[in-house]
């Protein structure tokens, strides 16, 4: 694995130097992939069809990706790398435990009510929806993300982590969109 990482670091500036130099270049990618997750949710999970597709909802998810998820998660990865600067297996495990034990619960606790607010829910309805959806969303998070994050923190350079996570997150974003927009 170390030779893979070393070879990647040697070649990656030739492929795509922007994420390292401009870390926020992954933010539009995050917004696009969150929008894709919502389209999958509406079309494949909810089976709305094109006529019943809620374009505003998709645009809300794109906006959340660009304005909240991308900057917050990207910033978190930079902070996490400063808190635990190594790249060993133990360092990756520490990062994953801090990410999943601290960041993930807080992130979901902010994301779900933010979507509720953008959907026009009252404070009381938003609180009730958070109490209903949060435990299930957090448990579902733990089925997917610890393994993904362990690999992400061990194998992927910091400036590509947000993009890698968002590619995996297309399915997760479909789930979150469905969960957040379900009445």
N, C-alpha and C. Protein backbone atom coordinates (compact mmCIF):
# COMPACT_ATOMS: atom_id res chain seq x y z
N UNK A 1 0.81 -1.20 0.00
CA UNK A 1 0.00 0.00 0.00
C UNK A 1 0.85 1.27 0.00
N UNK A 2 1.98 1.21 0.73
CA UNK A 2 2.82 2.40 0.77
C UNK A 2 3.40 2.71 -0.61
N UNK A 3 3.72 1.69 -1.40
CA UNK A 3 4.24 1.95 -2.74
C UNK A 3 3.16 2.55 -3.64
N UNK A 4 1.91 2.13 -3.45
CA UNK A 4 0.79 2.72 -4.19
C UNK A 4 0.70 4.21 -3.88
N UNK A 5 0.74 4.55 -2.59
CA UNK A 5 0.63 5.94 -2.17
C UNK A 5 1.81 6.76 -2.70
N UNK A 6 3.01 6.22 -2.60
CA UNK A 6 4.20 6.93 -3.08
C UNK A 6 4.13 7.17 -4.59
N UNK A 7 3.72 6.16 -5.34
CA UNK A 7 3.61 6.29 -6.79
C UNK A 7 2.53 7.32 -7.15
N UNK A 8 1.40 7.29 -6.42
CA UNK A 8 0.32 8.24 -6.68
C UNK A 8 0.79 9.66 -6.42
N UNK A 9 1.49 9.88 -5.31
CA UNK A 9 1.96 11.22 -4.99
C UNK A 9 2.96 11.71 -6.02
N UNK A 10 3.73 10.80 -6.58
CA UNK A 10 4.70 11.16 -7.61
C UNK A 10 3.99 11.58 -8.90
N UNK A 11 2.92 10.89 -9.26
CA UNK A 11 2.24 11.13 -10.53
C UNK A 11 1.11 12.14 -10.45
N UNK A 12 0.46 12.30 -9.29
CA UNK A 12 -0.76 13.10 -9.22
C UNK A 12 -0.60 14.55 -9.64
N UNK A 13 0.53 15.24 -9.41
CA UNK A 13 0.60 16.62 -9.90
C UNK A 13 0.47 16.72 -11.41
N UNK A 14 0.87 15.70 -12.13
CA UNK A 14 0.73 15.72 -13.59
C UNK A 14 -0.73 15.55 -14.00
N UNK A 15 -1.46 14.77 -13.23
CA UNK A 15 -2.85 14.50 -13.57
C UNK A 15 -3.76 15.66 -13.22
N UNK A 16 -3.65 16.15 -12.01
CA UNK A 16 -4.59 17.15 -11.55
C UNK A 16 -4.01 17.92 -10.38
N UNK A 17 -3.30 19.00 -10.64
CA UNK A 17 -2.68 19.74 -9.55
C UNK A 17 -3.65 20.62 -8.77
N UNK A 18 -4.83 20.90 -9.28
CA UNK A 18 -5.72 21.88 -8.67
C UNK A 18 -6.16 21.54 -7.25
N UNK A 19 -6.59 20.31 -6.92
CA UNK A 19 -7.07 20.09 -5.56
C UNK A 19 -6.05 20.41 -4.48
N UNK A 20 -4.79 20.12 -4.71
CA UNK A 20 -3.78 20.44 -3.71
C UNK A 20 -3.53 21.93 -3.60
N UNK A 21 -3.54 22.61 -4.73
CA UNK A 21 -3.28 24.04 -4.75
C UNK A 21 -4.53 24.84 -4.40
N UNK A 22 -5.67 24.36 -4.85
CA UNK A 22 -6.96 25.02 -4.61
C UNK A 22 -7.93 24.01 -4.02
N UNK A 23 -7.92 23.82 -2.68
CA UNK A 23 -8.72 22.74 -2.09
C UNK A 23 -10.22 22.88 -2.30
N UNK A 24 -10.71 24.09 -2.57
CA UNK A 24 -12.15 24.26 -2.73
C UNK A 24 -12.64 23.88 -4.12
N UNK A 25 -11.75 23.39 -5.01
CA UNK A 25 -12.20 22.95 -6.32
C UNK A 25 -13.09 21.72 -6.22
N UNK A 26 -13.05 21.00 -5.11
CA UNK A 26 -13.90 19.82 -4.93
C UNK A 26 -15.31 20.20 -4.49
N UNK A 27 -15.54 21.46 -4.11
CA UNK A 27 -16.85 21.88 -3.63
C UNK A 27 -17.91 21.79 -4.74
N UNK A 28 -17.67 22.29 -5.96
CA UNK A 28 -18.69 22.10 -7.01
C UNK A 28 -18.95 20.62 -7.31
N UNK A 29 -17.92 19.81 -7.23
CA UNK A 29 -18.08 18.36 -7.42
C UNK A 29 -19.02 17.81 -6.35
N UNK A 30 -18.86 18.27 -5.11
CA UNK A 30 -19.73 17.83 -4.02
C UNK A 30 -21.17 18.21 -4.30
N UNK A 31 -21.39 19.44 -4.73
CA UNK A 31 -22.75 19.88 -5.05
C UNK A 31 -23.36 19.06 -6.16
N UNK A 32 -22.59 18.80 -7.20
CA UNK A 32 -23.09 18.00 -8.33
C UNK A 32 -23.45 16.59 -7.90
N UNK A 33 -22.59 15.98 -7.10
CA UNK A 33 -22.85 14.60 -6.67
C UNK A 33 -24.00 14.52 -5.68
N UNK A 34 -24.20 15.57 -4.89
CA UNK A 34 -25.38 15.59 -4.01
C UNK A 34 -26.65 15.73 -4.84
N UNK A 35 -26.59 16.54 -5.89
CA UNK A 35 -27.73 16.64 -6.80
C UNK A 35 -28.02 15.31 -7.47
N UNK A 36 -26.98 14.61 -7.90
CA UNK A 36 -27.15 13.28 -8.49
C UNK A 36 -27.79 12.32 -7.48
N UNK A 37 -27.35 12.40 -6.24
CA UNK A 37 -27.95 11.56 -5.20
C UNK A 37 -29.43 11.82 -5.05
N UNK A 38 -29.84 13.10 -5.13
CA UNK A 38 -31.26 13.42 -5.03
C UNK A 38 -32.03 12.91 -6.25
N UNK A 39 -31.44 13.03 -7.43
CA UNK A 39 -32.10 12.51 -8.64
C UNK A 39 -32.30 11.00 -8.50
N UNK A 40 -31.28 10.30 -8.04
CA UNK A 40 -31.41 8.85 -7.81
C UNK A 40 -32.50 8.57 -6.79
N UNK A 41 -32.53 9.35 -5.72
CA UNK A 41 -33.56 9.17 -4.70
C UNK A 41 -34.96 9.35 -5.29
N UNK A 42 -35.15 10.43 -6.03
CA UNK A 42 -36.49 10.70 -6.57
C UNK A 42 -36.89 9.70 -7.66
N UNK A 43 -35.94 9.32 -8.51
CA UNK A 43 -36.29 8.49 -9.66
C UNK A 43 -36.26 7.00 -9.37
N UNK A 44 -35.26 6.53 -8.62
CA UNK A 44 -35.12 5.09 -8.40
C UNK A 44 -35.72 4.62 -7.08
N UNK A 45 -35.61 5.43 -6.03
CA UNK A 45 -36.13 5.01 -4.72
C UNK A 45 -37.61 5.37 -4.62
N UNK A 46 -37.93 6.63 -4.87
CA UNK A 46 -39.32 7.10 -4.74
C UNK A 46 -40.14 6.87 -6.00
N UNK A 47 -39.48 6.58 -7.12
CA UNK A 47 -40.13 6.31 -8.40
C UNK A 47 -41.13 7.41 -8.81
N UNK A 48 -40.67 8.64 -8.76
CA UNK A 48 -41.52 9.78 -9.08
C UNK A 48 -41.79 9.92 -10.58
N UNK A 49 -40.83 9.54 -11.40
CA UNK A 49 -40.96 9.79 -12.83
C UNK A 49 -40.54 11.23 -13.13
N UNK A 50 -40.27 11.50 -14.38
CA UNK A 50 -39.77 12.82 -14.75
C UNK A 50 -40.80 13.93 -14.55
N UNK A 51 -42.06 13.63 -14.78
CA UNK A 51 -43.11 14.65 -14.62
C UNK A 51 -43.27 15.08 -13.17
N UNK A 52 -43.05 14.17 -12.24
CA UNK A 52 -43.22 14.46 -10.82
C UNK A 52 -41.91 14.82 -10.12
N UNK A 53 -40.82 14.87 -10.89
CA UNK A 53 -39.52 15.19 -10.29
C UNK A 53 -39.55 16.61 -9.73
N UNK A 54 -39.09 16.77 -8.51
CA UNK A 54 -39.05 18.08 -7.85
C UNK A 54 -37.68 18.72 -8.09
N UNK A 55 -37.61 19.53 -9.13
CA UNK A 55 -36.35 20.17 -9.51
C UNK A 55 -35.84 21.07 -8.39
N UNK A 56 -36.73 21.76 -7.71
CA UNK A 56 -36.32 22.63 -6.61
C UNK A 56 -35.62 21.85 -5.51
N UNK A 57 -36.11 20.67 -5.24
CA UNK A 57 -35.49 19.81 -4.23
C UNK A 57 -34.07 19.43 -4.65
N UNK A 58 -33.90 19.08 -5.93
CA UNK A 58 -32.57 18.74 -6.44
C UNK A 58 -31.65 19.94 -6.34
N UNK A 59 -32.14 21.11 -6.70
CA UNK A 59 -31.32 22.32 -6.61
C UNK A 59 -30.97 22.65 -5.16
N UNK A 60 -31.88 22.35 -4.24
CA UNK A 60 -31.58 22.53 -2.82
C UNK A 60 -30.43 21.64 -2.40
N UNK A 61 -30.44 20.39 -2.85
CA UNK A 61 -29.35 19.48 -2.50
C UNK A 61 -28.03 19.92 -3.13
N UNK A 62 -28.08 20.42 -4.37
CA UNK A 62 -26.86 20.95 -5.01
C UNK A 62 -26.34 22.13 -4.19
N UNK A 63 -27.24 23.03 -3.80
CA UNK A 63 -26.85 24.19 -2.99
C UNK A 63 -26.26 23.77 -1.66
N UNK A 64 -26.87 22.78 -1.02
CA UNK A 64 -26.33 22.28 0.24
C UNK A 64 -24.94 21.69 0.05
N UNK A 65 -24.73 21.01 -1.06
CA UNK A 65 -23.42 20.44 -1.34
C UNK A 65 -22.36 21.51 -1.52
N UNK A 66 -22.72 22.55 -2.27
CA UNK A 66 -21.75 23.63 -2.53
C UNK A 66 -21.59 24.57 -1.33
N UNK A 67 -22.67 24.84 -0.62
CA UNK A 67 -22.63 25.84 0.44
C UNK A 67 -22.41 25.31 1.84
N UNK A 68 -22.65 24.02 2.05
CA UNK A 68 -22.51 23.47 3.40
C UNK A 68 -21.62 22.23 3.42
N UNK A 69 -22.03 21.18 2.73
CA UNK A 69 -21.33 19.89 2.83
C UNK A 69 -19.89 20.00 2.35
N UNK A 70 -19.67 20.52 1.14
CA UNK A 70 -18.32 20.61 0.61
C UNK A 70 -17.38 21.41 1.49
N UNK A 71 -17.75 22.66 1.84
CA UNK A 71 -16.85 23.44 2.69
C UNK A 71 -16.66 22.84 4.09
N UNK A 72 -17.72 22.33 4.70
CA UNK A 72 -17.61 21.81 6.06
C UNK A 72 -16.79 20.52 6.08
N UNK A 73 -17.11 19.58 5.21
CA UNK A 73 -16.38 18.31 5.20
C UNK A 73 -14.94 18.52 4.75
N UNK A 74 -14.74 19.33 3.71
CA UNK A 74 -13.37 19.62 3.26
C UNK A 74 -12.55 20.29 4.36
N UNK A 75 -13.15 21.23 5.05
CA UNK A 75 -12.47 21.89 6.17
C UNK A 75 -12.18 20.92 7.30
N UNK A 76 -13.13 20.03 7.58
CA UNK A 76 -12.93 19.03 8.62
C UNK A 76 -11.74 18.13 8.30
N UNK A 77 -11.61 17.73 7.04
CA UNK A 77 -10.48 16.87 6.67
C UNK A 77 -9.15 17.58 6.89
N UNK A 78 -9.10 18.87 6.61
CA UNK A 78 -7.86 19.61 6.84
C UNK A 78 -7.56 19.73 8.34
N UNK A 79 -8.59 19.99 9.14
CA UNK A 79 -8.40 20.05 10.60
C UNK A 79 -7.96 18.69 11.13
N UNK A 80 -8.62 17.65 10.67
CA UNK A 80 -8.30 16.30 11.13
C UNK A 80 -6.85 15.93 10.79
N UNK A 81 -6.38 16.35 9.63
CA UNK A 81 -5.00 16.07 9.24
C UNK A 81 -4.01 16.84 10.10
N UNK A 82 -4.41 18.00 10.60
CA UNK A 82 -3.54 18.74 11.52
C UNK A 82 -3.56 18.12 12.91
N UNK A 83 -4.71 17.64 13.34
CA UNK A 83 -4.81 16.99 14.66
C UNK A 83 -4.04 15.68 14.71
N UNK A 84 -4.16 14.91 13.64
CA UNK A 84 -3.48 13.60 13.54
C UNK A 84 -2.72 13.60 12.22
N UNK A 85 -1.47 14.09 12.23
CA UNK A 85 -0.75 14.33 10.97
C UNK A 85 -0.18 13.10 10.27
N UNK A 86 -0.16 11.95 10.86
CA UNK A 86 0.50 10.80 10.24
C UNK A 86 -0.32 10.11 9.18
N UNK A 87 0.31 9.11 8.54
CA UNK A 87 -0.36 8.35 7.47
C UNK A 87 -0.26 6.85 7.71
N UNK A 88 0.06 6.43 8.93
CA UNK A 88 0.15 5.00 9.21
C UNK A 88 -1.25 4.41 9.38
N UNK A 89 -1.32 3.10 9.49
CA UNK A 89 -2.61 2.44 9.73
C UNK A 89 -3.22 2.91 11.04
N UNK A 90 -2.38 3.06 12.07
CA UNK A 90 -2.87 3.52 13.37
C UNK A 90 -3.40 4.95 13.27
N UNK A 91 -2.70 5.80 12.53
CA UNK A 91 -3.17 7.18 12.33
C UNK A 91 -4.50 7.19 11.59
N UNK A 92 -4.63 6.36 10.57
CA UNK A 92 -5.89 6.27 9.82
C UNK A 92 -7.02 5.80 10.74
N UNK A 93 -6.73 4.84 11.60
CA UNK A 93 -7.74 4.35 12.55
C UNK A 93 -8.15 5.46 13.51
N UNK A 94 -7.19 6.21 14.02
CA UNK A 94 -7.49 7.33 14.93
C UNK A 94 -8.37 8.37 14.22
N UNK A 95 -8.02 8.69 12.97
CA UNK A 95 -8.81 9.66 12.21
C UNK A 95 -10.23 9.17 12.00
N UNK A 96 -10.36 7.89 11.65
CA UNK A 96 -11.70 7.33 11.43
C UNK A 96 -12.52 7.38 12.72
N UNK A 97 -11.90 7.02 13.85
CA UNK A 97 -12.63 7.02 15.12
C UNK A 97 -13.07 8.43 15.50
N UNK A 98 -12.20 9.41 15.30
CA UNK A 98 -12.57 10.80 15.60
C UNK A 98 -13.64 11.30 14.62
N UNK A 99 -13.50 10.94 13.36
CA UNK A 99 -14.47 11.33 12.34
C UNK A 99 -15.84 10.74 12.64
N UNK A 100 -15.88 9.45 12.90
CA UNK A 100 -17.17 8.78 13.09
C UNK A 100 -17.74 8.95 14.50
N UNK A 101 -16.86 9.14 15.48
CA UNK A 101 -17.34 9.32 16.85
C UNK A 101 -17.70 10.75 17.18
N UNK A 102 -17.07 11.71 16.51
CA UNK A 102 -17.31 13.10 16.82
C UNK A 102 -17.96 13.88 15.69
N UNK A 103 -17.33 13.84 14.53
CA UNK A 103 -17.82 14.67 13.42
C UNK A 103 -19.14 14.17 12.84
N UNK A 104 -19.24 12.90 12.55
CA UNK A 104 -20.45 12.37 11.88
C UNK A 104 -21.73 12.65 12.67
N UNK A 105 -21.77 12.41 13.99
CA UNK A 105 -23.00 12.72 14.72
C UNK A 105 -23.35 14.21 14.68
N UNK A 106 -22.34 15.07 14.80
CA UNK A 106 -22.58 16.52 14.75
C UNK A 106 -23.04 16.95 13.35
N UNK A 107 -22.38 16.41 12.33
CA UNK A 107 -22.72 16.77 10.96
C UNK A 107 -24.17 16.41 10.65
N UNK A 108 -24.57 15.18 10.97
CA UNK A 108 -25.96 14.78 10.72
C UNK A 108 -26.93 15.63 11.52
N UNK A 109 -26.54 15.98 12.75
CA UNK A 109 -27.39 16.81 13.59
C UNK A 109 -27.56 18.22 13.06
N UNK A 110 -26.66 18.65 12.20
CA UNK A 110 -26.79 19.96 11.53
C UNK A 110 -27.47 19.82 10.16
N UNK A 111 -27.09 18.78 9.42
CA UNK A 111 -27.59 18.61 8.05
C UNK A 111 -29.10 18.41 8.01
N UNK A 112 -29.61 17.50 8.82
CA UNK A 112 -31.05 17.18 8.75
C UNK A 112 -31.92 18.39 9.08
N UNK A 113 -31.65 19.15 10.15
CA UNK A 113 -32.49 20.33 10.39
C UNK A 113 -32.28 21.44 9.35
N UNK A 114 -31.09 21.52 8.78
CA UNK A 114 -30.86 22.51 7.72
C UNK A 114 -31.76 22.22 6.53
N UNK A 115 -31.86 20.96 6.14
CA UNK A 115 -32.76 20.58 5.04
C UNK A 115 -34.21 20.89 5.43
N UNK A 116 -34.57 20.57 6.67
CA UNK A 116 -35.92 20.87 7.13
C UNK A 116 -36.24 22.35 7.06
N UNK A 117 -35.29 23.18 7.47
CA UNK A 117 -35.48 24.63 7.41
C UNK A 117 -35.64 25.09 5.97
N UNK A 118 -34.78 24.57 5.08
CA UNK A 118 -34.88 24.95 3.67
C UNK A 118 -36.19 24.47 3.04
N UNK A 119 -36.76 23.42 3.61
CA UNK A 119 -38.05 22.91 3.12
C UNK A 119 -39.23 23.61 3.78
N UNK A 120 -38.95 24.59 4.62
CA UNK A 120 -40.02 25.39 5.22
C UNK A 120 -40.66 24.80 6.46
N UNK A 121 -40.02 23.82 7.09
CA UNK A 121 -40.59 23.26 8.31
C UNK A 121 -40.51 24.27 9.45
N UNK A 122 -41.52 24.28 10.28
CA UNK A 122 -41.47 25.12 11.48
C UNK A 122 -40.42 24.56 12.43
N UNK A 123 -40.03 25.34 13.40
CA UNK A 123 -39.03 24.87 14.38
C UNK A 123 -39.53 23.62 15.09
N UNK A 124 -40.80 23.61 15.46
CA UNK A 124 -41.37 22.45 16.16
C UNK A 124 -41.39 21.21 15.25
N UNK A 125 -41.82 21.37 14.01
CA UNK A 125 -41.85 20.24 13.08
C UNK A 125 -40.44 19.75 12.75
N UNK A 126 -39.52 20.70 12.62
CA UNK A 126 -38.13 20.35 12.33
C UNK A 126 -37.54 19.54 13.48
N UNK A 127 -37.80 19.96 14.71
CA UNK A 127 -37.31 19.24 15.89
C UNK A 127 -37.90 17.83 15.94
N UNK A 128 -39.20 17.71 15.68
CA UNK A 128 -39.85 16.40 15.68
C UNK A 128 -39.27 15.50 14.59
N UNK A 129 -39.02 16.06 13.42
CA UNK A 129 -38.44 15.28 12.33
C UNK A 129 -37.02 14.85 12.67
N UNK A 130 -36.25 15.73 13.28
CA UNK A 130 -34.89 15.38 13.69
C UNK A 130 -34.92 14.23 14.71
N UNK A 131 -35.80 14.31 15.67
CA UNK A 131 -35.91 13.24 16.67
C UNK A 131 -36.32 11.92 16.02
N UNK A 132 -37.14 11.99 15.00
CA UNK A 132 -37.60 10.78 14.31
C UNK A 132 -36.50 10.20 13.42
N UNK A 133 -35.80 11.05 12.65
CA UNK A 133 -34.88 10.58 11.61
C UNK A 133 -33.44 10.41 12.06
N UNK A 134 -33.00 11.19 13.03
CA UNK A 134 -31.58 11.19 13.40
C UNK A 134 -31.05 9.83 13.86
N UNK A 135 -31.71 9.14 14.79
CA UNK A 135 -31.13 7.85 15.23
C UNK A 135 -30.94 6.86 14.09
N UNK A 136 -31.93 6.74 13.23
CA UNK A 136 -31.84 5.80 12.11
C UNK A 136 -30.75 6.23 11.12
N UNK A 137 -30.66 7.54 10.85
CA UNK A 137 -29.63 8.03 9.93
C UNK A 137 -28.23 7.78 10.49
N UNK A 138 -28.05 7.98 11.79
CA UNK A 138 -26.73 7.76 12.40
C UNK A 138 -26.35 6.28 12.38
N UNK A 139 -27.30 5.42 12.70
CA UNK A 139 -27.03 3.98 12.66
C UNK A 139 -26.69 3.55 11.23
N UNK A 140 -27.45 4.03 10.27
CA UNK A 140 -27.18 3.70 8.86
C UNK A 140 -25.81 4.23 8.45
N UNK A 141 -25.44 5.40 8.93
CA UNK A 141 -24.10 5.96 8.69
C UNK A 141 -23.03 4.97 9.10
N UNK A 142 -23.21 4.32 10.24
CA UNK A 142 -22.19 3.41 10.76
C UNK A 142 -22.10 2.10 9.99
N UNK A 143 -23.07 1.78 9.18
CA UNK A 143 -22.96 0.61 8.30
C UNK A 143 -22.00 0.86 7.14
N UNK A 144 -21.93 2.10 6.69
CA UNK A 144 -21.17 2.44 5.49
C UNK A 144 -19.84 3.12 5.77
N UNK A 145 -19.87 4.18 6.55
CA UNK A 145 -18.76 5.12 6.58
C UNK A 145 -17.50 4.71 7.33
N UNK A 146 -17.54 3.95 8.40
CA UNK A 146 -16.26 3.61 9.05
C UNK A 146 -15.27 2.92 8.11
N UNK A 147 -15.72 1.94 7.35
CA UNK A 147 -14.81 1.24 6.43
C UNK A 147 -14.34 2.17 5.31
N UNK A 148 -15.25 2.96 4.76
CA UNK A 148 -14.88 3.90 3.70
C UNK A 148 -13.85 4.90 4.21
N UNK A 149 -14.11 5.45 5.39
CA UNK A 149 -13.20 6.46 5.93
C UNK A 149 -11.85 5.87 6.32
N UNK A 150 -11.83 4.67 6.82
CA UNK A 150 -10.55 4.03 7.16
C UNK A 150 -9.68 3.93 5.90
N UNK A 151 -10.26 3.45 4.82
CA UNK A 151 -9.53 3.37 3.55
C UNK A 151 -9.17 4.76 3.04
N UNK A 152 -10.09 5.70 3.15
CA UNK A 152 -9.86 7.06 2.68
C UNK A 152 -8.69 7.71 3.42
N UNK A 153 -8.67 7.59 4.74
CA UNK A 153 -7.62 8.22 5.53
C UNK A 153 -6.27 7.52 5.37
N UNK A 154 -6.28 6.25 5.00
CA UNK A 154 -5.03 5.52 4.86
C UNK A 154 -4.45 5.61 3.44
N UNK A 155 -5.31 5.56 2.44
CA UNK A 155 -4.84 5.44 1.06
C UNK A 155 -4.87 6.73 0.25
N UNK A 156 -5.73 7.65 0.60
CA UNK A 156 -6.00 8.80 -0.27
C UNK A 156 -5.33 10.07 0.28
N UNK A 157 -4.59 10.80 -0.57
CA UNK A 157 -4.01 12.07 -0.13
C UNK A 157 -5.11 13.06 0.27
N UNK A 158 -4.80 13.93 1.21
CA UNK A 158 -5.76 14.87 1.77
C UNK A 158 -6.56 15.61 0.69
N UNK A 159 -5.91 16.11 -0.34
CA UNK A 159 -6.60 16.95 -1.31
C UNK A 159 -7.55 16.17 -2.22
N UNK A 160 -7.57 14.85 -2.14
CA UNK A 160 -8.53 14.05 -2.91
C UNK A 160 -9.61 13.41 -2.03
N UNK A 161 -9.50 13.54 -0.72
CA UNK A 161 -10.43 12.83 0.17
C UNK A 161 -11.88 13.23 -0.02
N UNK A 162 -12.14 14.52 -0.14
CA UNK A 162 -13.51 14.97 -0.32
C UNK A 162 -14.10 14.40 -1.61
N UNK A 163 -13.33 14.41 -2.69
CA UNK A 163 -13.82 13.87 -3.97
C UNK A 163 -14.08 12.37 -3.88
N UNK A 164 -13.18 11.64 -3.24
CA UNK A 164 -13.37 10.19 -3.09
C UNK A 164 -14.62 9.91 -2.27
N UNK A 165 -14.76 10.61 -1.16
CA UNK A 165 -15.92 10.40 -0.30
C UNK A 165 -17.21 10.75 -1.04
N UNK A 166 -17.20 11.81 -1.82
CA UNK A 166 -18.43 12.20 -2.52
C UNK A 166 -18.80 11.21 -3.63
N UNK A 167 -17.82 10.55 -4.21
CA UNK A 167 -18.15 9.50 -5.19
C UNK A 167 -18.86 8.34 -4.50
N UNK A 168 -18.34 7.93 -3.36
CA UNK A 168 -19.01 6.88 -2.58
C UNK A 168 -20.36 7.39 -2.07
N UNK A 169 -20.40 8.67 -1.78
CA UNK A 169 -21.57 9.26 -1.14
C UNK A 169 -22.77 9.44 -2.07
N UNK A 170 -22.63 9.15 -3.35
CA UNK A 170 -23.80 9.28 -4.22
C UNK A 170 -24.95 8.43 -3.67
N UNK A 171 -24.63 7.21 -3.26
CA UNK A 171 -25.67 6.34 -2.67
C UNK A 171 -26.10 6.89 -1.32
N UNK A 172 -25.14 7.32 -0.50
CA UNK A 172 -25.46 7.89 0.81
C UNK A 172 -26.32 9.15 0.65
N UNK A 173 -25.98 9.99 -0.33
CA UNK A 173 -26.76 11.20 -0.57
C UNK A 173 -28.18 10.87 -1.02
N UNK A 174 -28.34 9.78 -1.76
CA UNK A 174 -29.69 9.33 -2.13
C UNK A 174 -30.48 8.99 -0.88
N UNK A 175 -29.84 8.27 0.03
CA UNK A 175 -30.49 7.91 1.29
C UNK A 175 -30.81 9.17 2.10
N UNK A 176 -29.82 10.07 2.25
CA UNK A 176 -30.04 11.28 3.05
C UNK A 176 -31.14 12.15 2.44
N UNK A 177 -31.16 12.26 1.13
CA UNK A 177 -32.20 13.05 0.48
C UNK A 177 -33.57 12.45 0.74
N UNK A 178 -33.67 11.14 0.59
CA UNK A 178 -34.93 10.46 0.86
C UNK A 178 -35.34 10.67 2.32
N UNK A 179 -34.39 10.47 3.24
CA UNK A 179 -34.68 10.59 4.67
C UNK A 179 -35.07 12.03 5.02
N UNK A 180 -34.34 12.99 4.49
CA UNK A 180 -34.58 14.39 4.83
C UNK A 180 -35.87 14.93 4.23
N UNK A 181 -36.31 14.39 3.10
CA UNK A 181 -37.51 14.91 2.43
C UNK A 181 -38.76 14.08 2.68
N UNK A 182 -38.60 13.01 3.42
CA UNK A 182 -39.75 12.15 3.74
C UNK A 182 -40.58 12.83 4.81
N UNK A 183 -41.87 12.87 4.62
CA UNK A 183 -42.76 13.52 5.61
C UNK A 183 -43.36 12.55 6.57
